[in-house]
Amino acid sequence: MTVTLITGGNKGLGFETARRLIAYGHIVYIGARSVERGKESADKLGAKFVRLDVTDHASIHEAVAEIKQNEGYLDVLINNAGITRGLLGTHDVAADDFRTVYDTNVFGIVRVTQPFLPLLHKSTTPVIVNVSSGLGSFARVTNPEKIESRVNDLIYSSSKAAVTMLTVQYAKALPEFRINAADPGPTATDLNGHRGYQTVSEGTDVIVKLATLDGNGPTGTFMDRNGVVPW
């Protein structure tokens, strides 16, 4: 069976992605910082829980060991965990604000991906999905016809632009993998105070699509539920 790990999987996009992939027949591990909330979410879905904080090396390596012992391999890694500091004004932003967000959104992807590579290499079709955002698309934030152009967020937007570049570089380095960036779109979740106009199910359409690719699927792409997103 397909074994999938979702970081930040106890709520929002991660939770809905887990629900949908379980329906596809995946064995899904929900990774979450909170043992209580993670186990509660996993029990609701019929998923498995593993404690995983993307900012904590020890918890990540413990999660690797647990999945290795239980399954022996990993087919799909969904780097979903992400945070924002809100819309801080340009004159109010400090370097430490960037550091906090990047520690989760960017460095967290590297922290999780690197130690899981050996288990992913044991899969016949290893897949990595990095959850990015249209706010990280240079084309969209500079196009006045797109909603992303009306948001000025130095920290979150730049972190998600970094995520898409990480995706491309990993895809180049690991051509036997399917590694892609997903833009869920403006989805109503806790991250944005439920201000998005898409449902959480619509927001997970592209994540599920990229998580279920076969070996002939695309790699090194940036996509939303409607197709390719311009860089």
C-alpha atoms as a PDB file:
ATOM      1  CA  MET A   1       0.000   0.000   0.000  1.00  0.00           C
ATOM      2  CA  THR A   2       1.033   3.609  -0.521  1.00  0.00           C
ATOM      3  CA  VAL A   3       2.502   5.126   2.643  1.00  0.00           C
ATOM      4  CA  THR A   4       2.116   8.892   2.985  1.00  0.00           C
ATOM      5  CA  LEU A   5       3.339  11.390   5.570  1.00  0.00           C
ATOM      6  CA  ILE A   6       1.723  14.821   5.880  1.00  0.00           C
ATOM      7  CA  THR A   7       3.385  17.476   8.036  1.00  0.00           C
ATOM      8  CA  GLY A   8       0.987  19.818   9.794  1.00  0.00           C
ATOM      9  CA  GLY A   9      -1.683  17.222   9.139  1.00  0.00           C
ATOM     10  CA  ASN A  10      -3.928  17.702  12.140  1.00  0.00           C
ATOM     11  CA  LYS A  11      -6.086  20.508  10.678  1.00  0.00           C
ATOM     12  CA  GLY A  12      -6.928  22.560   7.594  1.00  0.00           C
ATOM     13  CA  LEU A  13      -5.417  21.526   4.292  1.00  0.00           C
ATOM     14  CA  GLY A  14      -3.356  18.774   5.888  1.00  0.00           C
ATOM     15  CA  PHE A  15      -6.357  17.172   7.574  1.00  0.00           C
ATOM     16  CA  GLU A  16      -8.488  17.282   4.415  1.00  0.00           C
ATOM     17  CA  THR A  17      -5.622  15.926   2.319  1.00  0.00           C
ATOM     18  CA  ALA A  18      -5.262  13.052   4.772  1.00  0.00           C
ATOM     19  CA  ARG A  19      -8.977  12.296   4.590  1.00  0.00           C
ATOM     20  CA  ARG A  20      -8.961  12.203   0.809  1.00  0.00           C
ATOM     21  CA  LEU A  21      -5.812  10.107   0.494  1.00  0.00           C
ATOM     22  CA  ILE A  22      -7.123   7.567   2.989  1.00  0.00           C
ATOM     23  CA  ALA A  23     -10.149   7.249   0.701  1.00  0.00           C
ATOM     24  CA  TYR A  24      -7.661   6.492  -2.107  1.00  0.00           C
ATOM     25  CA  GLY A  25      -6.300   3.633  -0.010  1.00  0.00           C
ATOM     26  CA  HIS A  26      -3.167   5.305   1.361  1.00  0.00           C
ATOM     27  CA  ILE A  27      -1.736   4.542   4.772  1.00  0.00           C
ATOM     28  CA  VAL A  28      -1.493   8.106   6.055  1.00  0.00           C
ATOM     29  CA  TYR A  29       0.710   9.354   8.857  1.00  0.00           C
ATOM     30  CA  ILE A  30      -0.361  12.691  10.293  1.00  0.00           C
ATOM     31  CA  GLY A  31       2.641  14.613  11.551  1.00  0.00           C
ATOM     32  CA  ALA A  32       1.869  17.252  14.172  1.00  0.00           C
ATOM     33  CA  ARG A  33       3.600  19.075  17.019  1.00  0.00           C
ATOM     34  CA  SER A  34       0.801  18.456  19.509  1.00  0.00           C
ATOM     35  CA  VAL A  35       0.398  14.841  20.565  1.00  0.00           C
ATOM     36  CA  GLU A  36      -3.132  15.485  21.808  1.00  0.00           C
ATOM     37  CA  ARG A  37      -4.387  17.268  18.692  1.00  0.00           C
ATOM     38  CA  GLY A  38      -2.487  14.977  16.347  1.00  0.00           C
ATOM     39  CA  LYS A  39      -3.876  11.796  17.877  1.00  0.00           C
ATOM     40  CA  GLU A  40      -7.378  13.235  17.966  1.00  0.00           C
ATOM     41  CA  SER A  41      -7.233  14.086  14.260  1.00  0.00           C
ATOM     42  CA  ALA A  42      -5.703  10.728  13.335  1.00  0.00           C
ATOM     43  CA  ASP A  43      -8.401   8.863  15.265  1.00  0.00           C
ATOM     44  CA  LYS A  44     -11.144  10.811  13.477  1.00  0.00           C
ATOM     45  CA  LEU A  45      -9.728   9.852  10.094  1.00  0.00           C
ATOM     46  CA  GLY A  46      -8.437   6.359  10.669  1.00  0.00           C
ATOM     47  CA  ALA A  47      -4.918   7.648  10.065  1.00  0.00           C
ATOM     48  CA  LYS A  48      -1.737   7.039  12.048  1.00  0.00           C
ATOM     49  CA  PHE A  49      -0.121   9.726  14.172  1.00  0.00           C
ATOM     50  CA  VAL A  50       3.537  10.567  14.481  1.00  0.00           C
ATOM     51  CA  ARG A  51       4.827  13.453  16.543  1.00  0.00           C
ATOM     52  CA  LEU A  52       6.737  15.739  14.191  1.00  0.00           C
ATOM     53  CA  ASP A  53       7.737  19.366  14.677  1.00  0.00           C
ATOM     54  CA  VAL A  54       9.408  20.652  11.502  1.00  0.00           C
ATOM     55  CA  THR A  55      11.555  23.021  13.580  1.00  0.00           C
ATOM     56  CA  ASP A  56      12.874  20.237  15.828  1.00  0.00           C
ATOM     57  CA  HIS A  57      15.522  17.824  14.510  1.00  0.00           C
ATOM     58  CA  ALA A  58      14.983  15.273  17.287  1.00  0.00           C
ATOM     59  CA  SER A  59      11.250  14.867  16.630  1.00  0.00           C
ATOM     60  CA  ILE A  60      11.891  14.493  12.895  1.00  0.00           C
ATOM     61  CA  HIS A  61      14.468  11.754  13.360  1.00  0.00           C
ATOM     62  CA  GLU A  62      12.169   9.973  15.809  1.00  0.00           C
ATOM     63  CA  ALA A  63       9.413  10.117  13.176  1.00  0.00           C
ATOM     64  CA  VAL A  64      11.775   8.655  10.575  1.00  0.00           C
ATOM     65  CA  ALA A  65      12.651   5.805  12.922  1.00  0.00           C
ATOM     66  CA  GLU A  66       8.994   5.106  13.715  1.00  0.00           C
ATOM     67  CA  ILE A  67       7.877   4.978  10.081  1.00  0.00           C
ATOM     68  CA  LYS A  68      10.927   2.910   9.162  1.00  0.00           C
ATOM     69  CA  GLN A  69      10.108   0.401  11.873  1.00  0.00           C
ATOM     70  CA  ASN A  70       6.397   0.259  11.057  1.00  0.00           C
ATOM     71  CA  GLU A  71       6.478   0.400   7.254  1.00  0.00           C
ATOM     72  CA  GLY A  72      10.051   0.110   6.022  1.00  0.00           C
ATOM     73  CA  TYR A  73       9.538   2.743   3.326  1.00  0.00           C
ATOM     74  CA  LEU A  74       7.753   5.986   2.476  1.00  0.00           C
ATOM     75  CA  ASP A  75       6.046   6.658  -0.850  1.00  0.00           C
ATOM     76  CA  VAL A  76       4.738  10.200  -0.465  1.00  0.00           C
ATOM     77  CA  LEU A  77       5.997  13.115   1.616  1.00  0.00           C
ATOM     78  CA  ILE A  78       3.729  16.160   1.759  1.00  0.00           C
ATOM     79  CA  ASN A  79       5.506  19.166   3.238  1.00  0.00           C
ATOM     80  CA  ASN A  80       2.389  21.021   4.320  1.00  0.00           C
ATOM     81  CA  ALA A  81       3.311  22.667   7.636  1.00  0.00           C
ATOM     82  CA  GLY A  82       3.408  26.437   7.330  1.00  0.00           C
ATOM     83  CA  ILE A  83       2.943  29.608   9.352  1.00  0.00           C
ATOM     84  CA  THR A  84       2.547  33.349   8.818  1.00  0.00           C
ATOM     85  CA  ARG A  85       3.206  36.399  10.985  1.00  0.00           C
ATOM     86  CA  GLY A  86       0.269  38.244   9.460  1.00  0.00           C
ATOM     87  CA  LEU A  87       0.434  41.359   7.323  1.00  0.00           C
ATOM     88  CA  LEU A  88       3.137  43.347   9.051  1.00  0.00           C
ATOM     89  CA  GLY A  89       3.743  46.776   7.566  1.00  0.00           C
ATOM     90  CA  THR A  90       7.001  47.346   5.739  1.00  0.00           C
ATOM     91  CA  HIS A  91       8.256  49.694   8.461  1.00  0.00           C
ATOM     92  CA  ASP A  92       7.339  47.202  11.202  1.00  0.00           C
ATOM     93  CA  VAL A  93       9.095  44.114   9.852  1.00  0.00           C
ATOM     94  CA  ALA A  94      12.225  42.878  11.591  1.00  0.00           C
ATOM     95  CA  ALA A  95      14.722  40.218  10.594  1.00  0.00           C
ATOM     96  CA  ASP A  96      13.562  38.005  13.462  1.00  0.00           C
ATOM     97  CA  ASP A  97      10.066  37.970  11.944  1.00  0.00           C
ATOM     98  CA  PHE A  98      11.535  36.477   8.785  1.00  0.00           C
ATOM     99  CA  ARG A  99      13.586  33.998  10.772  1.00  0.00           C
ATOM    100  CA  THR A 100      10.529  32.626  12.571  1.00  0.00           C
ATOM    101  CA  VAL A 101       8.509  32.069   9.392  1.00  0.00           C
ATOM    102  CA  TYR A 102      11.404  30.770   7.319  1.00  0.00           C
ATOM    103  CA  ASP A 103      12.306  28.317  10.088  1.00  0.00           C
ATOM    104  CA  THR A 104       9.006  26.534   9.465  1.00  0.00           C
ATOM    105  CA  ASN A 105       8.125  27.293   5.843  1.00  0.00           C
ATOM    106  CA  VAL A 106      11.560  26.898   4.252  1.00  0.00           C
ATOM    107  CA  PHE A 107      14.111  25.340   6.595  1.00  0.00           C
ATOM    108  CA  GLY A 108      11.402  22.965   7.843  1.00  0.00           C
ATOM    109  CA  ILE A 109      11.081  21.447   4.373  1.00  0.00           C
ATOM    110  CA  VAL A 110      14.803  20.746   4.266  1.00  0.00           C
ATOM    111  CA  ARG A 111      14.872  19.410   7.827  1.00  0.00           C
ATOM    112  CA  VAL A 112      12.109  16.930   7.048  1.00  0.00           C
ATOM    113  CA  THR A 113      13.039  15.984   3.495  1.00  0.00           C
ATOM    114  CA  GLN A 114      16.707  15.177   4.055  1.00  0.00           C
ATOM    115  CA  PRO A 115      16.325  12.441   6.713  1.00  0.00           C
ATOM    116  CA  PHE A 116      13.320  10.929   4.920  1.00  0.00           C
ATOM    117  CA  LEU A 117      15.181  10.522   1.609  1.00  0.00           C
ATOM    118  CA  PRO A 118      16.461   7.003   2.432  1.00  0.00           C
ATOM    119  CA  LEU A 119      12.904   5.788   3.089  1.00  0.00           C
ATOM    120  CA  LEU A 120      11.635   7.523  -0.048  1.00  0.00           C
ATOM    121  CA  HIS A 121      14.360   5.840  -2.097  1.00  0.00           C
ATOM    122  CA  LYS A 122      12.832   2.494  -1.058  1.00  0.00           C
ATOM    123  CA  SER A 123       9.602   3.417  -2.865  1.00  0.00           C
ATOM    124  CA  THR A 124       9.001   2.368  -6.463  1.00  0.00           C
ATOM    125  CA  THR A 125       7.487   5.810  -7.155  1.00  0.00           C
ATOM    126  CA  PRO A 126       8.723   8.359  -4.603  1.00  0.00           C
ATOM    127  CA  VAL A 127       6.725  11.572  -4.492  1.00  0.00           C
ATOM    128  CA  ILE A 128       7.256  14.872  -2.665  1.00  0.00           C
ATOM    129  CA  VAL A 129       4.667  17.642  -2.623  1.00  0.00           C
ATOM    130  CA  ASN A 130       5.716  21.016  -1.230  1.00  0.00           C
ATOM    131  CA  VAL A 131       2.750  23.199  -0.359  1.00  0.00           C
ATOM    132  CA  SER A 132       3.540  26.682  -1.641  1.00  0.00           C
ATOM    133  CA  SER A 133       1.251  29.601  -2.517  1.00  0.00           C
ATOM    134  CA  GLY A 134       0.322  31.859  -5.400  1.00  0.00           C
ATOM    135  CA  LEU A 135       1.756  34.613  -3.198  1.00  0.00           C
ATOM    136  CA  GLY A 136       5.146  33.098  -3.989  1.00  0.00           C
ATOM    137  CA  SER A 137       4.624  33.461  -7.750  1.00  0.00           C
ATOM    138  CA  PHE A 138       6.503  36.438  -9.210  1.00  0.00           C
ATOM    139  CA  ALA A 139       4.133  36.450 -12.182  1.00  0.00           C
ATOM    140  CA  ARG A 140       0.997  36.575 -10.060  1.00  0.00           C
ATOM    141  CA  VAL A 141       2.062  39.152  -7.507  1.00  0.00           C
ATOM    142  CA  THR A 142       3.058  41.512 -10.343  1.00  0.00           C
ATOM    143  CA  ASN A 143      -0.099  40.954 -12.401  1.00  0.00           C
ATOM    144  CA  PRO A 144      -2.785  43.506 -11.417  1.00  0.00           C
ATOM    145  CA  GLU A 145      -5.478  41.136 -12.674  1.00  0.00           C
ATOM    146  CA  LYS A 146      -4.600  38.539 -10.022  1.00  0.00           C
ATOM    147  CA  ILE A 147      -5.748  38.619  -6.409  1.00  0.00           C
ATOM    148  CA  GLU A 148      -2.196  37.945  -5.246  1.00  0.00           C
ATOM    149  CA  SER A 149      -1.089  41.348  -6.565  1.00  0.00           C
ATOM    150  CA  ARG A 150      -3.247  43.062  -3.954  1.00  0.00           C
ATOM    151  CA  VAL A 151      -1.395  41.468  -1.039  1.00  0.00           C
ATOM    152  CA  ASN A 152       1.857  42.994   0.179  1.00  0.00           C
ATOM    153  CA  ASP A 153       3.440  40.468   2.534  1.00  0.00           C
ATOM    154  CA  LEU A 154       7.228  40.608   2.636  1.00  0.00           C
ATOM    155  CA  ILE A 155       7.669  37.583   4.869  1.00  0.00           C
ATOM    156  CA  TYR A 156       5.154  34.940   3.830  1.00  0.00           C
ATOM    157  CA  SER A 157       5.372  35.664   0.103  1.00  0.00           C
ATOM    158  CA  SER A 158       9.147  35.506   0.012  1.00  0.00           C
ATOM    159  CA  SER A 159       9.142  32.289   2.044  1.00  0.00           C
ATOM    160  CA  LYS A 160       6.815  30.640  -0.463  1.00  0.00           C
ATOM    161  CA  ALA A 161       8.925  31.853  -3.385  1.00  0.00           C
ATOM    162  CA  ALA A 162      11.806  30.046  -1.674  1.00  0.00           C
ATOM    163  CA  VAL A 163       9.665  26.907  -1.436  1.00  0.00           C
ATOM    164  CA  THR A 164       9.121  26.829  -5.198  1.00  0.00           C
ATOM    165  CA  MET A 165      12.863  27.202  -5.836  1.00  0.00           C
ATOM    166  CA  LEU A 166      13.603  24.404  -3.358  1.00  0.00           C
ATOM    167  CA  THR A 167      11.126  22.272  -5.290  1.00  0.00           C
ATOM    168  CA  VAL A 168      12.854  22.875  -8.611  1.00  0.00           C
ATOM    169  CA  GLN A 169      16.307  22.198  -7.208  1.00  0.00           C
ATOM    170  CA  TYR A 170      15.231  18.967  -5.484  1.00  0.00           C
ATOM    171  CA  ALA A 171      13.518  17.835  -8.690  1.00  0.00           C
ATOM    172  CA  LYS A 172      16.707  18.442 -10.676  1.00  0.00           C
ATOM    173  CA  ALA A 173      18.793  16.559  -8.125  1.00  0.00           C
ATOM    174  CA  LEU A 174      16.395  13.604  -7.820  1.00  0.00           C
ATOM    175  CA  PRO A 175      15.043  12.881 -11.315  1.00  0.00           C
ATOM    176  CA  GLU A 176      13.674   9.490 -10.247  1.00  0.00           C
ATOM    177  CA  PHE A 177      11.300  11.287  -7.852  1.00  0.00           C
ATOM    178  CA  ARG A 178       8.140  13.254  -8.696  1.00  0.00           C
ATOM    179  CA  ILE A 179       8.680  16.524  -6.810  1.00  0.00           C
ATOM    180  CA  ASN A 180       6.263  19.401  -7.295  1.00  0.00           C
ATOM    181  CA  ALA A 181       4.999  22.565  -5.619  1.00  0.00           C
ATOM    182  CA  ALA A 182       1.282  23.006  -4.967  1.00  0.00           C
ATOM    183  CA  ASP A 183      -0.639  26.267  -4.752  1.00  0.00           C
ATOM    184  CA  PRO A 184      -3.878  25.515  -2.880  1.00  0.00           C
ATOM    185  CA  GLY A 185      -5.282  28.921  -3.803  1.00  0.00           C
ATOM    186  CA  PRO A 186      -7.149  31.335  -1.497  1.00  0.00           C
ATOM    187  CA  THR A 187      -8.649  28.694   0.786  1.00  0.00           C
ATOM    188  CA  ALA A 188     -10.540  29.338   4.025  1.00  0.00           C
ATOM    189  CA  THR A 189      -8.260  27.989   6.785  1.00  0.00           C
ATOM    190  CA  ASP A 190      -6.919  29.058  10.167  1.00  0.00           C
ATOM    191  CA  LEU A 191      -3.816  30.406   8.429  1.00  0.00           C
ATOM    192  CA  ASN A 192      -5.742  33.269   6.822  1.00  0.00           C
ATOM    193  CA  GLY A 193      -8.511  33.653   9.374  1.00  0.00           C
ATOM    194  CA  HIS A 194     -10.871  31.720   7.083  1.00  0.00           C
ATOM    195  CA  ARG A 195     -10.940  34.608   4.619  1.00  0.00           C
ATOM    196  CA  GLY A 196     -10.308  32.512   1.511  1.00  0.00           C
ATOM    197  CA  TYR A 197     -13.157  31.957  -0.926  1.00  0.00           C
ATOM    198  CA  GLN A 198     -12.303  28.334  -1.740  1.00  0.00           C
ATOM    199  CA  THR A 199     -13.433  25.415   0.399  1.00  0.00           C
ATOM    200  CA  VAL A 200     -10.783  23.299   2.046  1.00  0.00           C
ATOM    201  CA  SER A 201     -11.712  20.479  -0.329  1.00  0.00           C
ATOM    202  CA  GLU A 202     -11.083  22.714  -3.345  1.00  0.00           C
ATOM    203  CA  GLY A 203      -7.805  23.809  -1.797  1.00  0.00           C
ATOM    204  CA  THR A 204      -6.601  20.222  -1.553  1.00  0.00           C
ATOM    205  CA  ASP A 205      -7.456  19.288  -5.145  1.00  0.00           C
ATOM    206  CA  VAL A 206      -3.957  20.023  -6.419  1.00  0.00           C
ATOM    207  CA  ILE A 207      -2.226  18.493  -3.390  1.00  0.00           C
ATOM    208  CA  VAL A 208      -4.111  15.229  -3.866  1.00  0.00           C
ATOM    209  CA  LYS A 209      -3.440  15.272  -7.604  1.00  0.00           C
ATOM    210  CA  LEU A 210       0.302  15.704  -7.118  1.00  0.00           C
ATOM    211  CA  ALA A 211       0.399  13.178  -4.266  1.00  0.00           C
ATOM    212  CA  THR A 212      -1.099  10.481  -6.469  1.00  0.00           C
ATOM    213  CA  LEU A 213       1.165  10.853  -9.510  1.00  0.00           C
ATOM    214  CA  ASP A 214       2.660   7.778 -11.098  1.00  0.00           C
ATOM    215  CA  GLY A 215       6.195   7.551 -12.431  1.00  0.00           C
ATOM    216  CA  ASN A 216       5.182   9.244 -15.679  1.00  0.00           C
ATOM    217  CA  GLY A 217       3.822  12.338 -13.980  1.00  0.00           C
ATOM    218  CA  PRO A 218       5.422  15.778 -14.098  1.00  0.00           C
ATOM    219  CA  THR A 219       8.222  16.858 -11.809  1.00  0.00           C
ATOM    220  CA  GLY A 220       9.670  20.264 -10.995  1.00  0.00           C
ATOM    221  CA  THR A 221       6.367  22.039 -11.628  1.00  0.00           C
ATOM    222  CA  PHE A 222       4.249  24.595  -9.772  1.00  0.00           C
ATOM    223  CA  MET A 223       0.526  23.853 -10.045  1.00  0.00           C
ATOM    224  CA  ASP A 224      -2.883  24.797  -8.680  1.00  0.00           C
ATOM    225  CA  ARG A 225      -6.230  23.064  -9.170  1.00  0.00           C
ATOM    226  CA  ASN A 226      -6.553  24.646 -12.643  1.00  0.00           C
ATOM    227  CA  GLY A 227      -3.123  23.746 -13.984  1.00  0.00           C
ATOM    228  CA  VAL A 228       0.374  25.197 -14.147  1.00  0.00           C
ATOM    229  CA  VAL A 229       1.124  28.318 -12.091  1.00  0.00           C
ATOM    230  CA  PRO A 230       3.616  30.755 -13.649  1.00  0.00           C
ATOM    231  CA  TRP A 231       6.802  31.193 -11.671  1.00  0.00           C
END
